PDB file of all heavy atoms in Angstrom:
ATOM      1  N   THR A   1       0.888  -1.206  -0.025  1.00  0.00           N
ATOM      2  CA  THR A   1      -0.002   0.006   0.016  1.00  0.00           C
ATOM      3  C   THR A   1       0.881   1.247  -0.005  1.00  0.00           C
ATOM      4  O   THR A   1       0.608   2.228  -0.738  1.00  0.00           O
ATOM      5  CB  THR A   1      -0.964   0.008   1.142  1.00  0.00           C
ATOM      6  OG1 THR A   1      -1.786  -1.154   1.098  1.00  0.00           O
ATOM      7  CG2 THR A   1      -1.897   1.229   1.197  1.00  0.00           C
ATOM      8  N   GLN A   2       1.891   1.258   0.858  1.00  0.00           N
ATOM      9  CA  GLN A   2       2.797   2.467   0.844  1.00  0.00           C
ATOM     10  C   GLN A   2       3.546   2.605  -0.510  1.00  0.00           C
ATOM     11  O   GLN A   2       3.610   3.684  -0.967  1.00  0.00           O
ATOM     12  CB  GLN A   2       3.841   2.243   1.985  1.00  0.00           C
ATOM     13  CG  GLN A   2       3.312   2.331   3.391  1.00  0.00           C
ATOM     14  CD  GLN A   2       2.686   3.652   3.688  1.00  0.00           C
ATOM     15  OE1 GLN A   2       3.055   4.749   3.186  1.00  0.00           O
ATOM     16  NE2 GLN A   2       1.557   3.674   4.388  1.00  0.00           N
ATOM     17  N   GLU A   3       3.908   1.496  -1.065  1.00  0.00           N
ATOM     18  CA  GLU A   3       4.650   1.515  -2.341  1.00  0.00           C
ATOM     19  C   GLU A   3       3.618   2.032  -3.455  1.00  0.00           C
ATOM     20  O   GLU A   3       4.086   2.716  -4.305  1.00  0.00           O
ATOM     21  CB  GLU A   3       5.213   0.172  -2.681  1.00  0.00           C
ATOM     22  CG  GLU A   3       6.193   0.179  -3.818  1.00  0.00           C
ATOM     23  CD  GLU A   3       6.921  -1.166  -4.039  1.00  0.00           C
ATOM     24  OE1 GLU A   3       6.976  -1.990  -3.069  1.00  0.00           O
ATOM     25  OE2 GLU A   3       7.361  -1.381  -5.119  1.00  0.00           O
ATOM     26  N   THR A   4       2.382   1.610  -3.339  1.00  0.00           N
ATOM     27  CA  THR A   4       1.377   2.130  -4.309  1.00  0.00           C
ATOM     28  C   THR A   4       1.323   3.616  -4.277  1.00  0.00           C
ATOM     29  O   THR A   4       1.291   4.251  -5.360  1.00  0.00           O
ATOM     30  CB  THR A   4       0.040   1.428  -3.935  1.00  0.00           C
ATOM     31  OG1 THR A   4       0.136   0.074  -4.022  1.00  0.00           O
ATOM     32  CG2 THR A   4      -1.046   1.979  -4.871  1.00  0.00           C
ATOM     33  N   PHE A   5       1.207   4.188  -3.059  1.00  0.00           N
ATOM     34  CA  PHE A   5       1.047   5.640  -3.040  1.00  0.00           C
ATOM     35  C   PHE A   5       2.299   6.367  -3.444  1.00  0.00           C
ATOM     36  O   PHE A   5       2.299   7.390  -4.082  1.00  0.00           O
ATOM     37  CB  PHE A   5       0.530   6.088  -1.679  1.00  0.00           C
ATOM     38  CG  PHE A   5      -0.912   5.866  -1.478  1.00  0.00           C
ATOM     39  CD1 PHE A   5      -1.396   4.709  -0.890  1.00  0.00           C
ATOM     40  CD2 PHE A   5      -1.840   6.828  -1.953  1.00  0.00           C
ATOM     41  CE1 PHE A   5      -2.740   4.513  -0.752  1.00  0.00           C
ATOM     42  CE2 PHE A   5      -3.162   6.602  -1.785  1.00  0.00           C
ATOM     43  CZ  PHE A   5      -3.648   5.428  -1.185  1.00  0.00           C
ATOM     44  N   TYR A   6       3.445   5.773  -3.117  1.00  0.00           N
ATOM     45  CA  TYR A   6       4.736   6.286  -3.586  1.00  0.00           C
ATOM     46  C   TYR A   6       4.849   6.294  -5.102  1.00  0.00           C
ATOM     47  O   TYR A   6       5.176   7.357  -5.745  1.00  0.00           O
ATOM     48  CB  TYR A   6       5.908   5.547  -3.004  1.00  0.00           C
ATOM     49  CG  TYR A   6       7.256   5.982  -3.520  1.00  0.00           C
ATOM     50  CD1 TYR A   6       7.802   7.203  -3.029  1.00  0.00           C
ATOM     51  CD2 TYR A   6       7.956   5.331  -4.520  1.00  0.00           C
ATOM     52  CE1 TYR A   6       9.036   7.643  -3.583  1.00  0.00           C
ATOM     53  CE2 TYR A   6       9.155   5.720  -5.005  1.00  0.00           C
ATOM     54  CZ  TYR A   6       9.700   6.916  -4.499  1.00  0.00           C
ATOM     55  OH  TYR A   6      10.909   7.413  -5.050  1.00  0.00           O
ATOM     56  N   LYS A   7       4.461   5.220  -5.709  1.00  0.00           N
ATOM     57  CA  LYS A   7       4.498   5.160  -7.154  1.00  0.00           C
ATOM     58  C   LYS A   7       3.472   6.101  -7.748  1.00  0.00           C
ATOM     59  O   LYS A   7       3.813   6.715  -8.757  1.00  0.00           O
ATOM     60  CB  LYS A   7       4.185   3.683  -7.562  1.00  0.00           C
ATOM     61  CG  LYS A   7       4.493   3.453  -9.069  1.00  0.00           C
ATOM     62  CD  LYS A   7       4.487   1.945  -9.338  1.00  0.00           C
ATOM     63  CE  LYS A   7       4.928   1.748 -10.754  1.00  0.00           C
ATOM     64  NZ  LYS A   7       5.117   0.372 -11.105  1.00  0.00           N
ATOM     65  N   ALA A   8       2.343   6.238  -7.172  1.00  0.00           N
ATOM     66  CA  ALA A   8       1.290   7.171  -7.639  1.00  0.00           C
ATOM     67  C   ALA A   8       1.771   8.587  -7.594  1.00  0.00           C
ATOM     68  O   ALA A   8       1.563   9.353  -8.514  1.00  0.00           O
ATOM     69  CB  ALA A   8       0.027   6.972  -6.890  1.00  0.00           C
ATOM     70  N   PHE A   9       2.512   8.846  -6.589  1.00  0.00           N
ATOM     71  CA  PHE A   9       3.044  10.258  -6.341  1.00  0.00           C
ATOM     72  C   PHE A   9       4.133  10.574  -7.369  1.00  0.00           C
ATOM     73  O   PHE A   9       4.232  11.588  -7.925  1.00  0.00           O
ATOM     74  CB  PHE A   9       3.520  10.483  -4.962  1.00  0.00           C
ATOM     75  CG  PHE A   9       4.086  11.785  -4.677  1.00  0.00           C
ATOM     76  CD1 PHE A   9       3.182  12.892  -4.662  1.00  0.00           C
ATOM     77  CD2 PHE A   9       5.452  12.049  -4.442  1.00  0.00           C
ATOM     78  CE1 PHE A   9       3.654  14.184  -4.372  1.00  0.00           C
ATOM     79  CE2 PHE A   9       5.891  13.303  -4.164  1.00  0.00           C
ATOM     80  CZ  PHE A   9       5.025  14.368  -4.154  1.00  0.00           C
ATOM     81  N   THR A  10       5.054   9.591  -7.510  1.00  0.00           N
ATOM     82  CA  THR A  10       6.181   9.799  -8.401  1.00  0.00           C
ATOM     83  C   THR A  10       5.901   9.664  -9.893  1.00  0.00           C
ATOM     84  O   THR A  10       6.605  10.172 -10.706  1.00  0.00           O
ATOM     85  CB  THR A  10       7.354   8.936  -8.010  1.00  0.00           C
ATOM     86  OG1 THR A  10       6.927   7.519  -8.082  1.00  0.00           O
ATOM     87  CG2 THR A  10       7.779   9.210  -6.599  1.00  0.00           C
ATOM     88  N   THR A  11       4.822   8.959 -10.232  1.00  0.00           N
ATOM     89  CA  THR A  11       4.558   8.706 -11.651  1.00  0.00           C
ATOM     90  C   THR A  11       3.139   9.164 -12.003  1.00  0.00           C
ATOM     91  O   THR A  11       2.438   8.489 -12.735  1.00  0.00           O
ATOM     92  CB  THR A  11       4.678   7.215 -12.052  1.00  0.00           C
ATOM     93  OG1 THR A  11       3.781   6.473 -11.261  1.00  0.00           O
ATOM     94  CG2 THR A  11       6.113   6.713 -11.819  1.00  0.00           C
ATOM     95  N   ASN A  12       2.687  10.266 -11.425  1.00  0.00           N
ATOM     96  CA  ASN A  12       1.365  10.728 -11.625  1.00  0.00           C
ATOM     97  C   ASN A  12       1.009  11.067 -13.105  1.00  0.00           C
ATOM     98  O   ASN A  12      -0.119  11.191 -13.428  1.00  0.00           O
ATOM     99  CB  ASN A  12       1.008  11.913 -10.742  1.00  0.00           C
ATOM    100  CG  ASN A  12       1.717  13.195 -11.162  1.00  0.00           C
ATOM    101  OD1 ASN A  12       2.839  13.048 -11.709  1.00  0.00           O
ATOM    102  ND2 ASN A  12       1.159  14.347 -10.846  1.00  0.00           N
ATOM    103  N   ALA A  13       1.945  11.165 -13.904  1.00  0.00           N
ATOM    104  CA  ALA A  13       1.723  11.424 -15.322  1.00  0.00           C
ATOM    105  C   ALA A  13       0.943  10.342 -15.988  1.00  0.00           C
ATOM    106  O   ALA A  13       0.292  10.494 -16.986  1.00  0.00           O
ATOM    107  CB  ALA A  13       3.007  11.698 -16.083  1.00  0.00           C
ATOM    108  N   SER A  14       1.052   9.135 -15.388  1.00  0.00           N
ATOM    109  CA  SER A  14       0.353   7.955 -16.020  1.00  0.00           C
ATOM    110  C   SER A  14      -1.182   7.962 -15.692  1.00  0.00           C
ATOM    111  O   SER A  14      -1.923   7.284 -16.340  1.00  0.00           O
ATOM    112  CB  SER A  14       0.933   6.625 -15.566  1.00  0.00           C
ATOM    113  OG  SER A  14       0.723   6.500 -14.176  1.00  0.00           O
ATOM    114  N   PHE A  15      -1.596   8.752 -14.802  1.00  0.00           N
ATOM    115  CA  PHE A  15      -3.041   8.906 -14.487  1.00  0.00           C
ATOM    116  C   PHE A  15      -3.662   9.882 -15.442  1.00  0.00           C
ATOM    117  O   PHE A  15      -3.416  11.059 -15.469  1.00  0.00           O
ATOM    118  CB  PHE A  15      -3.256   9.362 -13.044  1.00  0.00           C
ATOM    119  CG  PHE A  15      -4.674   9.451 -12.640  1.00  0.00           C
ATOM    120  CD1 PHE A  15      -5.464   8.251 -12.664  1.00  0.00           C
ATOM    121  CD2 PHE A  15      -5.311  10.608 -12.230  1.00  0.00           C
ATOM    122  CE1 PHE A  15      -6.794   8.300 -12.362  1.00  0.00           C
ATOM    123  CE2 PHE A  15      -6.612  10.654 -11.853  1.00  0.00           C
ATOM    124  CZ  PHE A  15      -7.351   9.476 -11.937  1.00  0.00           C
ATOM    125  N   ARG A  16      -4.459   9.255 -16.380  1.00  0.00           N
ATOM    126  CA  ARG A  16      -5.049  10.123 -17.441  1.00  0.00           C
ATOM    127  C   ARG A  16      -6.449  10.582 -17.076  1.00  0.00           C
ATOM    128  O   ARG A  16      -7.029  11.317 -17.814  1.00  0.00           O
ATOM    129  CB  ARG A  16      -5.161   9.203 -18.673  1.00  0.00           C
ATOM    130  CG  ARG A  16      -3.751   8.785 -19.185  1.00  0.00           C
ATOM    131  CD  ARG A  16      -3.891   7.954 -20.452  1.00  0.00           C
ATOM    132  NE  ARG A  16      -4.726   6.761 -20.280  1.00  0.00           N
ATOM    133  CZ  ARG A  16      -4.275   5.552 -20.081  1.00  0.00           C
ATOM    134  NH1 ARG A  16      -3.039   5.367 -19.865  1.00  0.00           N
ATOM    135  NH2 ARG A  16      -5.103   4.576 -19.922  1.00  0.00           N
ATOM    136  N   GLY A  17      -6.945  10.235 -15.891  1.00  0.00           N
ATOM    137  CA  GLY A  17      -8.182  10.701 -15.463  1.00  0.00           C
ATOM    138  C   GLY A  17      -9.396   9.893 -16.117  1.00  0.00           C
ATOM    139  O   GLY A  17     -10.528  10.296 -15.930  1.00  0.00           O
ATOM    140  N   GLU A  18      -9.023   8.880 -16.929  1.00  0.00           N
ATOM    141  CA  GLU A  18     -10.140   8.112 -17.588  1.00  0.00           C
ATOM    142  C   GLU A  18     -10.852   7.203 -16.548  1.00  0.00           C
ATOM    143  O   GLU A  18     -11.937   6.772 -16.735  1.00  0.00           O
ATOM    144  CB  GLU A  18      -9.545   7.182 -18.707  1.00  0.00           C
ATOM    145  CG  GLU A  18      -8.924   8.070 -19.790  1.00  0.00           C
ATOM    146  CD  GLU A  18      -8.153   7.218 -20.773  1.00  0.00           C
ATOM    147  OE1 GLU A  18      -8.136   6.056 -20.676  1.00  0.00           O
ATOM    148  OE2 GLU A  18      -7.586   7.844 -21.740  1.00  0.00           O
ATOM    149  N   ALA A  19     -10.116   6.787 -15.477  1.00  0.00           N
ATOM    150  CA  ALA A  19     -10.718   5.905 -14.525  1.00  0.00           C
ATOM    151  C   ALA A  19     -10.805   6.650 -13.152  1.00  0.00           C
ATOM    152  O   ALA A  19     -10.149   7.703 -13.000  1.00  0.00           O
ATOM    153  CB  ALA A  19      -9.830   4.691 -14.302  1.00  0.00           C
ATOM    154  N   ASN A  20     -11.580   6.116 -12.245  1.00  0.00           N
ATOM    155  CA  ASN A  20     -11.637   6.637 -10.895  1.00  0.00           C
ATOM    156  C   ASN A  20     -10.281   6.458 -10.257  1.00  0.00           C
ATOM    157  O   ASN A  20      -9.547   5.532 -10.536  1.00  0.00           O
ATOM    158  CB  ASN A  20     -12.710   5.809 -10.185  1.00  0.00           C
ATOM    159  CG  ASN A  20     -13.057   6.431  -8.832  1.00  0.00           C
ATOM    160  OD1 ASN A  20     -12.212   6.659  -8.075  1.00  0.00           O
ATOM    161  ND2 ASN A  20     -14.357   6.682  -8.611  1.00  0.00           N
ATOM    162  N   ALA A  21      -9.925   7.401  -9.351  1.00  0.00           N
ATOM    163  CA  ALA A  21      -8.640   7.370  -8.681  1.00  0.00           C
ATOM    164  C   ALA A  21      -8.365   6.070  -7.898  1.00  0.00           C
ATOM    165  O   ALA A  21      -7.390   5.519  -7.935  1.00  0.00           O
ATOM    166  CB  ALA A  21      -8.524   8.579  -7.805  1.00  0.00           C
ATOM    167  N   VAL A  22      -9.473   5.551  -7.264  1.00  0.00           N
ATOM    168  CA  VAL A  22      -9.325   4.370  -6.469  1.00  0.00           C
ATOM    169  C   VAL A  22      -9.040   3.152  -7.385  1.00  0.00           C
ATOM    170  O   VAL A  22      -8.304   2.261  -7.067  1.00  0.00           O
ATOM    171  CB  VAL A  22     -10.510   4.071  -5.525  1.00  0.00           C
ATOM    172  CG1 VAL A  22     -11.733   3.661  -6.271  1.00  0.00           C
ATOM    173  CG2 VAL A  22     -10.153   3.009  -4.446  1.00  0.00           C
ATOM    174  N   THR A  23      -9.643   3.128  -8.537  1.00  0.00           N
ATOM    175  CA  THR A  23      -9.400   2.148  -9.548  1.00  0.00           C
ATOM    176  C   THR A  23      -7.983   2.161 -10.015  1.00  0.00           C
ATOM    177  O   THR A  23      -7.306   1.136 -10.097  1.00  0.00           O
ATOM    178  CB  THR A  23     -10.375   2.244 -10.734  1.00  0.00           C
ATOM    179  OG1 THR A  23     -11.738   2.251 -10.272  1.00  0.00           O
ATOM    180  CG2 THR A  23     -10.230   1.086 -11.702  1.00  0.00           C
ATOM    181  N   TRP A  24      -7.474   3.326 -10.282  1.00  0.00           N
ATOM    182  CA  TRP A  24      -6.076   3.514 -10.699  1.00  0.00           C
ATOM    183  C   TRP A  24      -5.143   3.028  -9.592  1.00  0.00           C
ATOM    184  O   TRP A  24      -4.171   2.314  -9.874  1.00  0.00           O
ATOM    185  CB  TRP A  24      -5.879   4.989 -11.050  1.00  0.00           C
ATOM    186  CG  TRP A  24      -4.480   5.365 -11.426  1.00  0.00           C
ATOM    187  CD1 TRP A  24      -3.754   4.971 -12.424  1.00  0.00           C
ATOM    188  CD2 TRP A  24      -3.653   6.304 -10.657  1.00  0.00           C
ATOM    189  NE1 TRP A  24      -2.483   5.583 -12.408  1.00  0.00           N
ATOM    190  CE2 TRP A  24      -2.384   6.366 -11.388  1.00  0.00           C
ATOM    191  CE3 TRP A  24      -3.873   7.137  -9.545  1.00  0.00           C
ATOM    192  CZ2 TRP A  24      -1.396   7.225 -10.955  1.00  0.00           C
ATOM    193  CZ3 TRP A  24      -2.823   7.933  -9.149  1.00  0.00           C
ATOM    194  CH2 TRP A  24      -1.606   8.019  -9.863  1.00  0.00           C
ATOM    195  N   LEU A  25      -5.439   3.419  -8.424  1.00  0.00           N
ATOM    196  CA  LEU A  25      -4.529   3.007  -7.283  1.00  0.00           C
ATOM    197  C   LEU A  25      -4.576   1.530  -7.009  1.00  0.00           C
ATOM    198  O   LEU A  25      -3.576   0.861  -6.832  1.00  0.00           O
ATOM    199  CB  LEU A  25      -5.043   3.731  -5.984  1.00  0.00           C
ATOM    200  CG  LEU A  25      -4.702   5.206  -5.976  1.00  0.00           C
ATOM    201  CD1 LEU A  25      -5.391   5.893  -4.761  1.00  0.00           C
ATOM    202  CD2 LEU A  25      -3.214   5.502  -5.947  1.00  0.00           C
ATOM    203  N   CYS A  26      -5.786   0.918  -7.183  1.00  0.00           N
ATOM    204  CA  CYS A  26      -5.829  -0.560  -7.008  1.00  0.00           C
ATOM    205  C   CYS A  26      -5.162  -1.265  -8.077  1.00  0.00           C
ATOM    206  O   CYS A  26      -4.590  -2.375  -7.883  1.00  0.00           O
ATOM    207  CB  CYS A  26      -7.318  -0.987  -6.847  1.00  0.00           C
ATOM    208  SG  CYS A  26      -8.052  -0.578  -5.231  1.00  0.00           S
ATOM    209  N   SER A  27      -5.173  -0.745  -9.284  1.00  0.00           N
ATOM    210  CA  SER A  27      -4.418  -1.424 -10.436  1.00  0.00           C
ATOM    211  C   SER A  27      -2.947  -1.347 -10.133  1.00  0.00           C
ATOM    212  O   SER A  27      -2.212  -2.310 -10.450  1.00  0.00           O
ATOM    213  CB  SER A  27      -4.865  -0.859 -11.730  1.00  0.00           C
ATOM    214  OG  SER A  27      -4.346   0.449 -11.901  1.00  0.00           O
ATOM    215  N   ILE A  28      -2.435  -0.241  -9.637  1.00  0.00           N
ATOM    216  CA  ILE A  28      -1.035  -0.128  -9.316  1.00  0.00           C
ATOM    217  C   ILE A  28      -0.730  -1.146  -8.197  1.00  0.00           C
ATOM    218  O   ILE A  28       0.261  -1.868  -8.290  1.00  0.00           O
ATOM    219  CB  ILE A  28      -0.718   1.314  -8.791  1.00  0.00           C
ATOM    220  CG1 ILE A  28      -0.813   2.266  -9.945  1.00  0.00           C
ATOM    221  CG2 ILE A  28       0.773   1.336  -8.177  1.00  0.00           C
ATOM    222  CD1 ILE A  28      -0.710   3.790  -9.506  1.00  0.00           C
ATOM    223  N   ALA A  29      -1.580  -1.204  -7.196  1.00  0.00           N
ATOM    224  CA  ALA A  29      -1.343  -2.153  -6.104  1.00  0.00           C
ATOM    225  C   ALA A  29      -1.358  -3.578  -6.621  1.00  0.00           C
ATOM    226  O   ALA A  29      -0.523  -4.405  -6.136  1.00  0.00           O
ATOM    227  CB  ALA A  29      -2.492  -1.941  -5.027  1.00  0.00           C
ATOM    228  N   ARG A  30      -2.300  -3.917  -7.433  1.00  0.00           N
ATOM    229  CA  ARG A  30      -2.364  -5.308  -7.957  1.00  0.00           C
ATOM    230  C   ARG A  30      -1.060  -5.640  -8.731  1.00  0.00           C
ATOM    231  O   ARG A  30      -0.486  -6.740  -8.510  1.00  0.00           O
ATOM    232  CB  ARG A  30      -3.559  -5.443  -8.892  1.00  0.00           C
ATOM    233  CG  ARG A  30      -3.670  -6.851  -9.444  1.00  0.00           C
ATOM    234  CD  ARG A  30      -4.866  -7.104 -10.343  1.00  0.00           C
ATOM    235  NE  ARG A  30      -4.821  -6.147 -11.449  1.00  0.00           N
ATOM    236  CZ  ARG A  30      -5.854  -5.494 -11.921  1.00  0.00           C
ATOM    237  NH1 ARG A  30      -7.033  -5.616 -11.236  1.00  0.00           N
ATOM    238  NH2 ARG A  30      -5.735  -4.674 -12.902  1.00  0.00           N
ATOM    239  N   ASN A  31      -0.561  -4.724  -9.525  1.00  0.00           N
ATOM    240  CA  ASN A  31       0.660  -4.940 -10.274  1.00  0.00           C
ATOM    241  C   ASN A  31       1.827  -5.116  -9.327  1.00  0.00           C
ATOM    242  O   ASN A  31       2.689  -5.994  -9.473  1.00  0.00           O
ATOM    243  CB  ASN A  31       0.963  -3.805 -11.234  1.00  0.00           C
ATOM    244  CG  ASN A  31      -0.063  -3.805 -12.425  1.00  0.00           C
ATOM    245  OD1 ASN A  31      -0.688  -4.835 -12.692  1.00  0.00           O
ATOM    246  ND2 ASN A  31      -0.229  -2.624 -12.982  1.00  0.00           N
ATOM    247  N   LEU A  32       1.876  -4.295  -8.260  1.00  0.00           N
ATOM    248  CA  LEU A  32       2.994  -4.390  -7.275  1.00  0.00           C
ATOM    249  C   LEU A  32       2.866  -5.736  -6.511  1.00  0.00           C
ATOM    250  O   LEU A  32       3.903  -6.385  -6.232  1.00  0.00           O
ATOM    251  CB  LEU A  32       2.932  -3.224  -6.284  1.00  0.00           C
ATOM    252  CG  LEU A  32       3.298  -1.882  -6.883  1.00  0.00           C
ATOM    253  CD1 LEU A  32       3.006  -0.773  -5.897  1.00  0.00           C
ATOM    254  CD2 LEU A  32       4.758  -1.873  -7.229  1.00  0.00           C
ATOM    255  N   PHE A  33       1.668  -6.191  -6.186  1.00  0.00           N
ATOM    256  CA  PHE A  33       1.498  -7.456  -5.558  1.00  0.00           C
ATOM    257  C   PHE A  33       1.937  -8.607  -6.434  1.00  0.00           C
ATOM    258  O   PHE A  33       2.640  -9.519  -5.924  1.00  0.00           O
ATOM    259  CB  PHE A  33      -0.007  -7.617  -5.174  1.00  0.00           C
ATOM    260  CG  PHE A  33      -0.314  -9.041  -4.667  1.00  0.00           C
ATOM    261  CD1 PHE A  33       0.098  -9.350  -3.362  1.00  0.00           C
ATOM    262  CD2 PHE A  33      -0.917  -9.947  -5.410  1.00  0.00           C
ATOM    263  CE1 PHE A  33      -0.172 -10.604  -2.784  1.00  0.00           C
ATOM    264  CE2 PHE A  33      -1.198 -11.247  -4.924  1.00  0.00           C
ATOM    265  CZ  PHE A  33      -0.861 -11.576  -3.592  1.00  0.00           C
TER     266      PHE A  33
END
């Protein structure tokens, strides 16, 4: 979870706004898992 938010913070350019923020964060978390 911590790594997810770190990655979201450092690579926010990948968030295009097409999905809900929680969906975007959960997809990052799933990939990290």
